[in-house]
Amino acid sequence: MEGFNLLDNPGGMQALGFFQEDKTVSEEVKLQPTDKVPVELEPKIISVKQLLSENRLVVPYYQRPYKWSLKNVNQLIDDILLHKRQSAYRLGTLVIHKEQEADQPEVYNVVDGQQRTITLTLIAQAIYSYKGSELEKLSNKESTNKYKPSLENLKFKSSLSKNNIRGNYKEIVRRIREFDEEAIHFFYYKCQLVQVVLEDISEAFQFFDSQNSRGKDLAPHDLLKAFHLREMTSSTTESERIKSVTEWEAMDSSKLAVLFRNYLFRIRNWSKGYSARYFTKDEVDVFKGVSPVVKESFPFADLYRISHFYVEGYNNEFHRNIDRNSMSYPFQLDQVIINGKRFFEMINHYNELVNSIKSMAETKKFLSPSDKNAIEILETIQNYDGKDRVGDKYVRNLFNCCLVYYIDKFGTAEISRAVEKFYIWSYSLRLELYAIHLASIDNHALANPPIFKIIKEAIHPSTILNVPLSSVGKNNSTRTDAILNLFKKMNYYHGQ
């Protein structure tokens, strides 16, 4: 079968009907809010095959450009290949506005689901062009034309859409060799969408808004919860999944957000030398890793799989009914994440550790009476005049992150000296700068000496404790006399 080769003919998407000449159209559609609720909603489950056979689909001019990145495309392909043995796999919702003007054929305007629909069409086109023998088997030697996606009405005038379509199609062509007959059958007949067709455009957009906002956007940690619960589906019972998320559910959502944003995300990124200013949905992959039930062939995953199953086996042995011992998984902040149950255990573990660090000044946990310097430092940063300003809270968070990462790796070994080191390193920023912003601590965390990267690579506390730090020559801050006095006492201030 002769296929369309986009790699040989980069401009050839014109032949597929994707591109059209610019036309003069209104730049935006202003929809009036309505209180009218759709009366007859008839959601219908359709397969990808049914979707791609629909020749009435149109991307209306008021839609945003096609913006899916290579990352989005590869995630979709990965999901299809990973779940190809499931009985069905739901890809999301397709909201359609059915429209028919006088003397014109009926069209289905895509209100929600454009990005996914276009990508599925590109995958289907690549299968049709490059997987002819598999399609012939799938069609029982009948014509494979029924698998050719309907593209006549999918036209775009946006240059951004055109460029993204070209780039994504090239990537799909590269990966289409991974689709065997089973995957192709799964793609067409087992991958499904929930299609909702409405005749009133305001109802269509009202339904779209209710599906995508519901008054509150999902936080990144909500997406992670859904991902890791899904990873447990094939290997655990419902009661086991409920047990795994019990402590997570007991935590306040805003506190979970702080735990991820201010501690786990920052420490993991800073330890790798990456910026960590904002934790958004685009960064959730930082907390995805390997699944112990998926047999990846990569040698690096063996270490985590072995430790996972050893801990699991130890805790489930009948001897535990006698000695009543249990073994906790040996988490490390910079380790590869183990998806599913271990992820939820990890979050509970670090929530406790972070809370212990934040309350060290009062509880003296991890300290002994002989750790006088550390106790004085902790009491000072807990009580000095400017401690409640936004910039000062940023610095305190930087200091706390250092302690969390150090104790996670080396426990209480040389803890007093570690507190001193992190105090000088982080609070020198407070004395040197008049105003401190989020960018200030992010830059400081990545500048020389990169403390977090040093902790990551250290195999003994001395590597961190021997890092040379510069003294401060000028105090540009206010309401920090107690901070400055400690710098003088510790011989880290050479100003007047």
Protein backbone atom coordinates (compact mmCIF):
# COMPACT_ATOMS: atom_id res chain seq x y z
CA MET A 1 0.00 0.00 0.00
CA GLU A 2 1.39 3.36 -0.96
CA GLY A 3 1.54 5.61 2.09
CA PHE A 4 1.80 9.32 2.63
CA ASN A 5 5.36 10.01 3.81
CA LEU A 6 5.46 13.23 5.73
CA LEU A 7 9.19 12.86 6.32
CA ASP A 8 9.79 12.87 2.56
CA ASN A 9 7.19 15.54 1.93
CA PRO A 10 6.99 17.90 4.95
CA GLY A 11 4.45 20.10 3.25
CA GLY A 12 2.31 17.17 2.26
CA MET A 13 -0.22 17.58 5.03
CA GLN A 14 -1.97 19.82 2.52
CA ALA A 15 -2.87 16.61 0.71
CA LEU A 16 -4.53 15.34 3.84
CA GLY A 17 -6.83 18.33 3.98
CA PHE A 18 -5.43 19.74 7.21
CA PHE A 19 -4.49 23.18 5.94
CA GLN A 20 -6.51 25.88 4.26
CA GLU A 21 -5.81 29.38 3.08
CA ASP A 22 -6.38 32.25 5.50
CA LYS A 23 -9.87 33.65 5.43
CA THR A 24 -11.24 36.74 7.03
CA VAL A 25 -13.05 35.61 10.14
CA SER A 26 -13.90 37.13 13.47
CA GLU A 27 -10.93 36.74 15.83
CA GLU A 28 -13.13 35.62 18.71
CA VAL A 29 -16.65 34.56 19.54
CA LYS A 30 -18.26 36.32 22.47
CA LEU A 31 -20.67 33.95 24.14
CA GLN A 32 -23.25 35.27 26.53
CA PRO A 33 -23.59 33.40 29.83
CA THR A 34 -26.78 31.42 30.17
CA ASP A 35 -28.64 29.76 33.00
CA LYS A 36 -30.21 27.30 30.64
CA VAL A 37 -29.30 23.70 31.46
CA PRO A 38 -29.13 21.14 28.65
CA VAL A 39 -32.40 19.24 28.72
CA GLU A 40 -31.54 16.13 26.74
CA LEU A 41 -28.05 14.92 27.31
CA GLU A 42 -27.39 11.60 25.67
CA PRO A 43 -23.76 10.72 26.29
CA LYS A 44 -22.66 7.92 24.01
CA ILE A 45 -19.56 5.76 24.21
CA ILE A 46 -17.84 5.71 20.84
CA SER A 47 -14.70 3.92 19.74
CA VAL A 48 -11.79 5.63 18.02
CA LYS A 49 -12.87 3.80 14.86
CA GLN A 50 -16.30 5.42 15.07
CA LEU A 51 -14.76 8.82 15.78
CA LEU A 52 -12.46 8.64 12.79
CA SER A 53 -15.26 7.48 10.51
CA GLU A 54 -17.31 10.57 11.32
CA ASN A 55 -17.07 12.84 8.25
CA ARG A 56 -19.10 15.63 9.82
CA LEU A 57 -16.45 16.67 12.37
CA VAL A 58 -15.28 20.27 12.02
CA VAL A 59 -12.85 22.31 14.09
CA PRO A 60 -14.66 25.68 14.21
CA TYR A 61 -12.76 28.90 13.63
CA TYR A 62 -13.25 30.08 17.21
CA GLN A 63 -11.23 27.15 18.59
CA ARG A 64 -7.73 27.72 19.92
CA PRO A 65 -4.79 26.43 17.84
CA TYR A 66 -3.62 22.85 18.06
CA LYS A 67 -0.99 23.04 20.82
CA TRP A 68 -0.21 19.50 21.88
CA SER A 69 3.52 19.03 22.37
CA LEU A 70 5.67 15.97 21.65
CA LYS A 71 5.38 15.16 25.35
CA ASN A 72 1.56 15.05 25.12
CA VAL A 73 1.69 12.89 21.98
CA ASN A 74 4.18 10.43 23.45
CA GLN A 75 2.18 10.14 26.67
CA LEU A 76 -0.91 9.23 24.66
CA ILE A 77 1.01 6.64 22.63
CA ASP A 78 2.60 5.24 25.80
CA ASP A 79 -0.85 4.87 27.39
CA ILE A 80 -2.24 3.08 24.34
CA LEU A 81 0.66 0.63 24.24
CA LEU A 82 0.69 0.09 28.00
CA HIS A 83 -3.04 -0.69 28.26
CA LYS A 84 -3.47 -2.60 24.99
CA ARG A 85 -4.55 -5.78 26.81
CA GLN A 86 -7.39 -4.10 28.67
CA SER A 87 -10.97 -4.66 27.59
CA ALA A 88 -11.46 -0.92 27.11
CA TYR A 89 -9.63 2.31 27.73
CA ARG A 90 -11.42 5.65 28.13
CA LEU A 91 -9.66 8.62 26.53
CA GLY A 92 -11.91 11.44 27.70
CA THR A 93 -14.94 13.45 26.62
CA LEU A 94 -15.84 14.81 23.19
CA VAL A 95 -18.35 17.69 23.30
CA ILE A 96 -20.02 18.41 19.97
CA HIS A 97 -22.17 21.32 18.84
CA LYS A 98 -24.43 20.02 16.07
CA GLU A 99 -25.08 22.77 13.57
CA GLN A 100 -26.96 22.95 10.29
CA GLU A 101 -27.50 26.04 8.22
CA ALA A 102 -30.09 26.36 5.48
CA ASP A 103 -29.24 24.30 2.41
CA GLN A 104 -26.00 23.18 4.04
CA PRO A 105 -25.02 19.72 5.28
CA GLU A 106 -25.05 19.05 9.01
CA VAL A 107 -21.71 19.58 10.75
CA TYR A 108 -20.34 18.56 14.14
CA ASN A 109 -18.32 21.42 15.65
CA VAL A 110 -15.77 20.15 18.17
CA VAL A 111 -16.21 22.25 21.32
CA ASP A 112 -14.11 20.10 23.65
CA GLY A 113 -11.66 17.36 22.68
CA GLN A 114 -10.00 19.04 19.72
CA GLN A 115 -6.40 18.36 20.78
CA ARG A 116 -7.00 14.66 21.38
CA THR A 117 -9.15 14.22 18.26
CA ILE A 118 -6.49 15.70 15.98
CA THR A 119 -3.78 13.55 17.57
CA LEU A 120 -5.86 10.38 17.21
CA THR A 121 -6.40 11.31 13.56
CA LEU A 122 -2.66 11.69 13.04
CA ILE A 123 -2.01 8.29 14.65
CA ALA A 124 -4.66 6.71 12.42
CA GLN A 125 -3.15 8.33 9.33
CA ALA A 126 0.28 6.95 10.27
CA ILE A 127 -1.16 3.46 10.81
CA TYR A 128 -2.94 3.62 7.45
CA SER A 129 0.21 4.80 5.69
CA TYR A 130 2.80 2.56 7.34
CA LYS A 131 1.01 -0.49 8.77
CA GLY A 132 -0.73 -1.87 5.70
CA SER A 133 -0.09 -5.57 6.38
CA GLU A 134 -1.47 -5.35 9.94
CA LEU A 135 -4.54 -3.47 8.68
CA GLU A 136 -5.18 -6.15 6.06
CA LYS A 137 -5.28 -8.78 8.80
CA LEU A 138 -7.53 -6.55 10.87
CA SER A 139 -9.97 -6.06 7.98
CA ASN A 140 -10.02 -9.78 7.11
CA LYS A 141 -8.48 -9.01 3.72
CA GLU A 142 -11.22 -6.54 2.87
CA SER A 143 -10.36 -3.05 1.73
CA THR A 144 -8.28 -1.17 4.27
CA ASN A 145 -9.80 2.12 3.12
CA LYS A 146 -12.31 1.93 5.94
CA TYR A 147 -9.38 2.62 8.30
CA LYS A 148 -8.37 5.76 6.48
CA PRO A 149 -9.37 8.69 8.73
CA SER A 150 -11.82 11.23 7.44
CA LEU A 151 -9.85 14.46 7.11
CA GLU A 152 -11.81 16.56 4.66
CA ASN A 153 -13.23 19.00 7.23
CA LEU A 154 -10.24 19.24 9.59
CA LYS A 155 -8.72 22.43 8.25
CA PHE A 156 -6.52 25.00 9.98
CA LYS A 157 -5.33 28.46 9.11
CA SER A 158 -3.15 28.98 12.19
CA SER A 159 0.58 28.63 11.49
CA LEU A 160 1.02 27.33 15.06
CA SER A 161 -1.45 24.53 14.38
CA LYS A 162 0.25 23.66 11.09
CA ASN A 163 3.73 23.53 12.63
CA ASN A 164 2.58 21.42 15.58
CA ILE A 165 0.73 19.01 13.28
CA ARG A 166 3.82 18.56 11.11
CA GLY A 167 6.14 18.07 14.10
CA ASN A 168 3.82 15.69 15.94
CA TYR A 169 3.10 13.63 12.82
CA LYS A 170 6.82 13.10 12.31
CA GLU A 171 7.14 11.84 15.88
CA ILE A 172 4.12 9.56 15.44
CA VAL A 173 5.63 8.09 12.26
CA ARG A 174 8.82 7.35 14.20
CA ARG A 175 6.89 5.50 16.88
CA ILE A 176 4.27 3.75 14.77
CA ARG A 177 6.63 0.79 14.34
CA GLU A 178 5.82 -0.06 17.99
CA PHE A 179 2.19 -0.79 17.05
CA ASP A 180 1.68 -4.50 16.43
CA GLU A 181 -1.62 -6.02 15.32
CA GLU A 182 -2.88 -6.22 18.91
CA ALA A 183 -2.11 -2.55 19.58
CA ILE A 184 -3.75 -1.45 16.33
CA HIS A 185 -6.93 -3.42 17.12
CA PHE A 186 -6.94 -1.94 20.62
CA PHE A 187 -6.47 1.57 19.23
CA TYR A 188 -9.43 1.36 16.87
CA TYR A 189 -11.92 -0.69 18.85
CA LYS A 190 -11.05 -0.58 22.55
CA CYS A 191 -9.97 3.05 22.98
CA GLN A 192 -13.14 5.01 23.63
CA LEU A 193 -14.49 8.51 24.18
CA VAL A 194 -17.67 9.78 25.80
CA GLN A 195 -19.41 11.78 23.09
CA VAL A 196 -21.97 14.42 24.01
CA VAL A 197 -23.86 16.09 21.15
CA LEU A 198 -25.77 19.32 21.79
CA GLU A 199 -27.70 21.49 19.37
CA ASP A 200 -27.39 24.79 21.25
CA ILE A 201 -23.92 26.36 21.25
CA SER A 202 -24.39 28.03 24.62
CA GLU A 203 -25.41 24.68 26.11
CA ALA A 204 -22.34 23.08 24.56
CA PHE A 205 -20.02 25.63 26.11
CA GLN A 206 -21.85 25.47 29.43
CA PHE A 207 -21.36 21.70 29.46
CA PHE A 208 -17.71 22.15 28.46
CA ASP A 209 -17.14 24.57 31.35
CA SER A 210 -18.79 22.22 33.83
CA GLN A 211 -16.57 19.35 32.69
CA ASN A 212 -13.33 21.30 32.80
CA SER A 213 -13.68 23.61 35.78
CA ARG A 214 -16.43 22.50 38.15
CA GLY A 215 -15.68 25.70 40.05
CA LYS A 216 -12.17 24.59 41.02
CA ASP A 217 -9.22 23.44 38.96
CA LEU A 218 -7.47 20.24 39.93
CA ALA A 219 -4.22 20.76 41.82
CA PRO A 220 -1.05 18.94 40.71
CA HIS A 221 -1.22 16.64 43.72
CA ASP A 222 -4.79 15.66 42.75
CA LEU A 223 -3.51 14.53 39.37
CA LEU A 224 -0.76 12.53 41.09
CA LYS A 225 -3.27 10.85 43.35
CA ALA A 226 -5.32 9.75 40.33
CA PHE A 227 -2.21 8.53 38.48
CA HIS A 228 -0.87 6.44 41.36
CA LEU A 229 -4.27 4.96 42.18
CA ARG A 230 -4.57 3.95 38.52
CA GLU A 231 -1.14 2.31 38.77
CA MET A 232 -2.52 0.13 41.59
CA THR A 233 -5.61 -1.02 39.68
CA SER A 234 -4.28 -4.27 38.26
CA SER A 235 -2.33 -5.42 41.33
CA THR A 236 -4.43 -4.47 44.37
CA THR A 237 -7.93 -4.81 45.73
CA GLU A 238 -10.23 -1.88 46.34
CA SER A 239 -9.73 -2.19 50.11
CA GLU A 240 -5.94 -2.03 49.65
CA ARG A 241 -6.28 1.12 47.56
CA ILE A 242 -8.55 2.71 50.15
CA LYS A 243 -6.04 1.85 52.88
CA SER A 244 -3.18 3.37 50.87
CA VAL A 245 -4.87 6.77 50.55
CA THR A 246 -6.38 6.96 54.06
CA GLU A 247 -3.66 9.22 55.47
CA TRP A 248 -3.53 11.24 52.24
CA GLU A 249 -7.28 11.89 52.49
CA ALA A 250 -6.88 12.91 56.13
CA MET A 251 -4.44 15.69 55.18
CA ASP A 252 -5.76 19.14 54.36
CA SER A 253 -5.48 19.78 50.61
CA SER A 254 -3.75 23.14 51.13
CA LYS A 255 -1.15 21.49 53.39
CA LEU A 256 -0.56 18.80 50.78
CA ALA A 257 -0.01 21.53 48.22
CA VAL A 258 2.58 23.19 50.49
CA LEU A 259 4.34 19.86 51.10
CA PHE A 260 4.74 19.26 47.38
CA ARG A 261 5.44 22.86 46.34
CA ASN A 262 7.72 24.07 49.13
CA TYR A 263 9.58 20.88 50.00
CA LEU A 264 9.39 17.73 47.86
CA PHE A 265 9.43 19.47 44.46
CA ARG A 266 12.10 21.99 45.42
CA ILE A 267 14.45 19.48 47.01
CA ARG A 268 14.14 16.99 44.13
CA ASN A 269 14.72 19.67 41.49
CA TRP A 270 17.47 21.59 43.31
CA SER A 271 19.35 18.35 43.95
CA LYS A 272 19.48 17.82 40.18
CA GLY A 273 20.51 21.40 39.48
CA TYR A 274 17.08 22.42 38.13
CA SER A 275 14.99 25.48 38.91
CA ALA A 276 12.07 24.87 41.26
CA ARG A 277 10.09 28.09 41.47
CA TYR A 278 6.61 26.81 40.65
CA PHE A 279 5.08 23.37 40.96
CA THR A 280 2.36 23.13 38.31
CA LYS A 281 0.60 20.39 36.35
CA ASP A 282 3.44 20.46 33.85
CA GLU A 283 5.87 19.25 36.53
CA VAL A 284 3.92 16.27 37.93
CA ASP A 285 6.17 13.84 36.06
CA VAL A 286 8.81 14.60 38.72
CA PHE A 287 6.73 12.32 40.96
CA LYS A 288 6.19 9.47 38.53
CA GLY A 289 8.57 6.56 38.27
CA VAL A 290 8.64 2.79 37.90
CA SER A 291 5.89 0.35 38.68
CA PRO A 292 6.89 -2.85 40.47
CA VAL A 293 4.22 -4.83 38.58
CA VAL A 294 5.46 -3.74 35.16
CA LYS A 295 8.54 -5.71 34.15
CA GLU A 296 10.71 -3.02 32.63
CA SER A 297 13.87 -4.45 31.16
CA PHE A 298 16.01 -1.57 32.42
CA PRO A 299 18.69 -2.68 34.91
CA PHE A 300 18.33 0.47 37.02
CA ALA A 301 14.76 -0.50 37.95
CA ASP A 302 15.86 -3.80 39.51
CA LEU A 303 17.19 -2.10 42.63
CA TYR A 304 13.81 -0.52 43.37
CA ARG A 305 11.79 -3.59 42.46
CA ILE A 306 13.91 -5.85 44.67
CA SER A 307 13.66 -3.54 47.67
CA HIS A 308 9.91 -3.12 47.12
CA PHE A 309 9.17 -6.83 47.04
CA TYR A 310 11.57 -7.62 49.88
CA VAL A 311 9.82 -5.15 52.20
CA GLU A 312 6.44 -6.41 50.99
CA GLY A 313 7.42 -10.03 51.57
CA TYR A 314 8.89 -9.37 55.00
CA ASN A 315 5.78 -7.57 56.26
CA ASN A 316 3.44 -10.26 54.90
CA GLU A 317 5.30 -13.26 56.37
CA PHE A 318 3.38 -15.22 59.02
CA HIS A 319 6.28 -14.58 61.46
CA ARG A 320 5.06 -10.98 61.76
CA ASN A 321 2.02 -12.35 63.58
CA ILE A 322 4.47 -13.59 66.21
CA ASP A 323 7.11 -10.87 66.56
CA ARG A 324 4.79 -8.02 65.46
CA ASN A 325 7.64 -6.28 63.71
CA SER A 326 7.28 -4.33 60.50
CA MET A 327 9.75 -2.89 58.04
CA SER A 328 9.33 0.54 56.50
CA TYR A 329 10.47 1.10 52.95
CA PRO A 330 13.84 2.96 52.96
CA PHE A 331 12.75 6.10 51.14
CA GLN A 332 15.18 8.73 49.89
CA LEU A 333 14.06 12.13 48.63
CA ASP A 334 16.07 11.93 45.42
CA GLN A 335 15.31 8.30 44.60
CA VAL A 336 13.33 7.05 41.63
CA ILE A 337 9.65 7.06 42.55
CA ILE A 338 7.93 3.69 42.90
CA ASN A 339 4.43 4.14 41.57
CA GLY A 340 1.29 3.18 43.43
CA LYS A 341 1.27 2.12 47.07
CA ARG A 342 4.87 3.17 47.79
CA PHE A 343 4.17 6.69 46.51
CA PHE A 344 1.43 7.23 49.09
CA GLU A 345 3.65 5.77 51.82
CA MET A 346 6.45 8.10 50.73
CA ILE A 347 4.23 11.18 50.98
CA ASN A 348 3.09 10.19 54.48
CA HIS A 349 6.71 9.59 55.50
CA TYR A 350 7.92 12.99 54.31
CA ASN A 351 4.91 14.81 55.68
CA GLU A 352 5.95 13.60 59.14
CA LEU A 353 9.60 14.50 58.55
CA VAL A 354 8.82 18.00 57.29
CA ASN A 355 6.50 18.67 60.23
CA SER A 356 9.26 17.51 62.61
CA ILE A 357 11.78 19.90 61.02
CA LYS A 358 9.36 22.83 61.13
CA SER A 359 8.80 22.30 64.86
CA MET A 360 12.41 21.58 65.86
CA ALA A 361 12.82 24.87 67.73
CA GLU A 362 10.05 23.87 70.15
CA THR A 363 10.38 20.08 70.30
CA LYS A 364 14.21 19.80 69.99
CA LYS A 365 13.62 16.60 68.01
CA PHE A 366 16.82 15.25 66.42
CA LEU A 367 18.85 17.32 68.95
CA SER A 368 20.51 16.57 72.26
CA PRO A 369 21.24 19.05 75.12
CA SER A 370 24.84 19.23 73.91
CA ASP A 371 23.76 20.70 70.55
CA LYS A 372 23.76 24.21 72.01
CA ASN A 373 24.74 26.06 68.84
CA ALA A 374 21.99 24.39 66.83
CA ILE A 375 19.42 25.11 69.53
CA GLU A 376 20.41 28.78 69.64
CA ILE A 377 20.17 29.07 65.86
CA LEU A 378 16.75 27.43 65.73
CA GLU A 379 15.38 29.61 68.52
CA THR A 380 16.78 32.74 66.84
CA ILE A 381 15.22 32.12 63.42
CA GLN A 382 11.97 31.21 65.16
CA ASN A 383 11.73 34.48 67.08
CA TYR A 384 13.61 37.38 65.39
CA ASP A 385 11.64 40.52 64.52
CA GLY A 386 11.35 40.09 60.75
CA LYS A 387 10.59 36.36 60.67
CA ASP A 388 7.00 36.79 59.40
CA ARG A 389 7.81 38.81 56.27
CA VAL A 390 7.33 37.04 52.93
CA GLY A 391 11.02 37.14 52.02
CA ASP A 392 12.06 35.86 55.44
CA LYS A 393 9.64 32.96 55.10
CA TYR A 394 11.29 32.08 51.78
CA VAL A 395 14.67 31.96 53.53
CA ARG A 396 13.29 29.84 56.36
CA ASN A 397 11.89 27.42 53.81
CA LEU A 398 15.29 27.22 52.12
CA PHE A 399 16.92 26.44 55.49
CA ASN A 400 14.24 23.84 56.31
CA CYS A 401 14.69 22.13 52.94
CA CYS A 402 18.41 21.76 53.67
CA LEU A 403 17.67 20.13 57.01
CA VAL A 404 15.01 17.82 55.59
CA TYR A 405 17.35 16.64 52.84
CA TYR A 406 20.32 16.19 55.21
CA ILE A 407 18.40 14.28 57.92
CA ASP A 408 16.72 12.16 55.25
CA LYS A 409 20.16 11.05 54.09
CA PHE A 410 22.41 11.11 57.17
CA GLY A 411 20.03 11.18 60.12
CA THR A 412 21.32 13.07 63.17
CA ALA A 413 25.03 12.55 62.47
CA GLU A 414 26.86 15.85 63.17
CA ILE A 415 23.46 17.54 63.30
CA SER A 416 24.62 20.61 65.21
CA ARG A 417 27.35 21.40 62.67
CA ALA A 418 24.91 20.79 59.84
CA VAL A 419 22.45 23.30 61.32
CA GLU A 420 25.26 25.87 61.54
CA LYS A 421 26.32 25.26 57.94
CA PHE A 422 22.80 25.57 56.55
CA TYR A 423 22.10 28.65 58.69
CA ILE A 424 25.11 30.56 57.36
CA TRP A 425 24.47 29.43 53.78
CA SER A 426 20.78 30.33 53.69
CA TYR A 427 20.56 33.38 55.99
CA SER A 428 23.53 35.12 54.35
CA LEU A 429 20.98 35.78 51.60
CA ARG A 430 18.75 37.54 54.14
CA LEU A 431 21.56 39.87 55.23
CA GLU A 432 22.90 40.59 51.75
CA LEU A 433 19.62 41.43 50.02
CA TYR A 434 17.23 44.22 50.89
CA ALA A 435 14.28 42.38 49.33
CA ILE A 436 13.97 38.64 48.80
CA HIS A 437 11.72 37.08 46.18
CA LEU A 438 11.04 33.50 45.17
CA ALA A 439 13.57 33.89 42.35
CA SER A 440 16.17 34.92 44.95
CA ILE A 441 16.09 31.62 46.81
CA ASP A 442 15.81 29.62 43.59
CA ASN A 443 18.95 31.27 42.22
CA HIS A 444 20.75 30.87 45.56
CA ALA A 445 19.92 27.16 45.68
CA LEU A 446 21.54 26.64 42.27
CA ALA A 447 24.53 28.97 42.70
CA ASN A 448 27.96 28.07 44.11
CA PRO A 449 28.15 26.29 46.41
CA PRO A 450 25.10 24.24 45.23
CA ILE A 451 24.31 22.74 48.62
CA PHE A 452 21.50 20.49 47.45
CA LYS A 453 23.55 18.98 44.66
CA ILE A 454 26.40 18.47 47.12
CA ILE A 455 24.08 16.64 49.54
CA LYS A 456 22.82 14.45 46.69
CA GLU A 457 26.34 13.37 45.74
CA ALA A 458 27.74 13.08 49.28
CA ILE A 459 28.30 9.67 50.85
CA HIS A 460 29.48 11.08 54.19
CA PRO A 461 28.42 14.17 56.22
CA SER A 462 31.97 15.55 56.08
CA THR A 463 31.52 16.32 52.37
CA ILE A 464 28.81 18.83 53.29
CA LEU A 465 30.30 20.09 56.54
CA ASN A 466 33.60 20.94 54.84
CA VAL A 467 32.06 23.11 52.12
CA PRO A 468 33.69 26.55 52.45
CA LEU A 469 31.30 29.49 52.90
CA SER A 470 32.07 33.18 52.46
CA SER A 471 31.48 35.64 55.26
CA VAL A 472 29.07 38.54 54.89
CA GLY A 473 30.55 42.02 54.51
CA LYS A 474 27.46 44.20 54.58
CA ASN A 475 24.02 44.03 56.17
CA ASN A 476 21.36 45.34 53.80
CA SER A 477 18.35 44.05 55.71
CA THR A 478 16.23 45.45 58.51
CA ARG A 479 14.75 43.85 61.63
CA THR A 480 17.42 41.14 61.53
CA ASP A 481 19.71 42.18 64.41
CA ALA A 482 19.42 38.76 66.03
CA ILE A 483 20.45 37.09 62.77
CA LEU A 484 23.42 39.44 62.38
CA ASN A 485 24.57 38.88 65.97
CA LEU A 486 24.79 35.14 65.37
CA PHE A 487 26.84 35.74 62.21
CA LYS A 488 29.25 37.87 64.24
CA LYS A 489 29.43 35.28 67.00
CA MET A 490 30.23 32.55 64.48
CA ASN A 491 32.85 34.74 62.69
CA TYR A 492 30.93 34.97 59.43
CA TYR A 493 30.59 38.79 59.39
CA HIS A 494 33.47 41.11 58.50
CA GLY A 495 31.59 44.38 58.08
CA GLN A 496 31.39 47.36 60.38
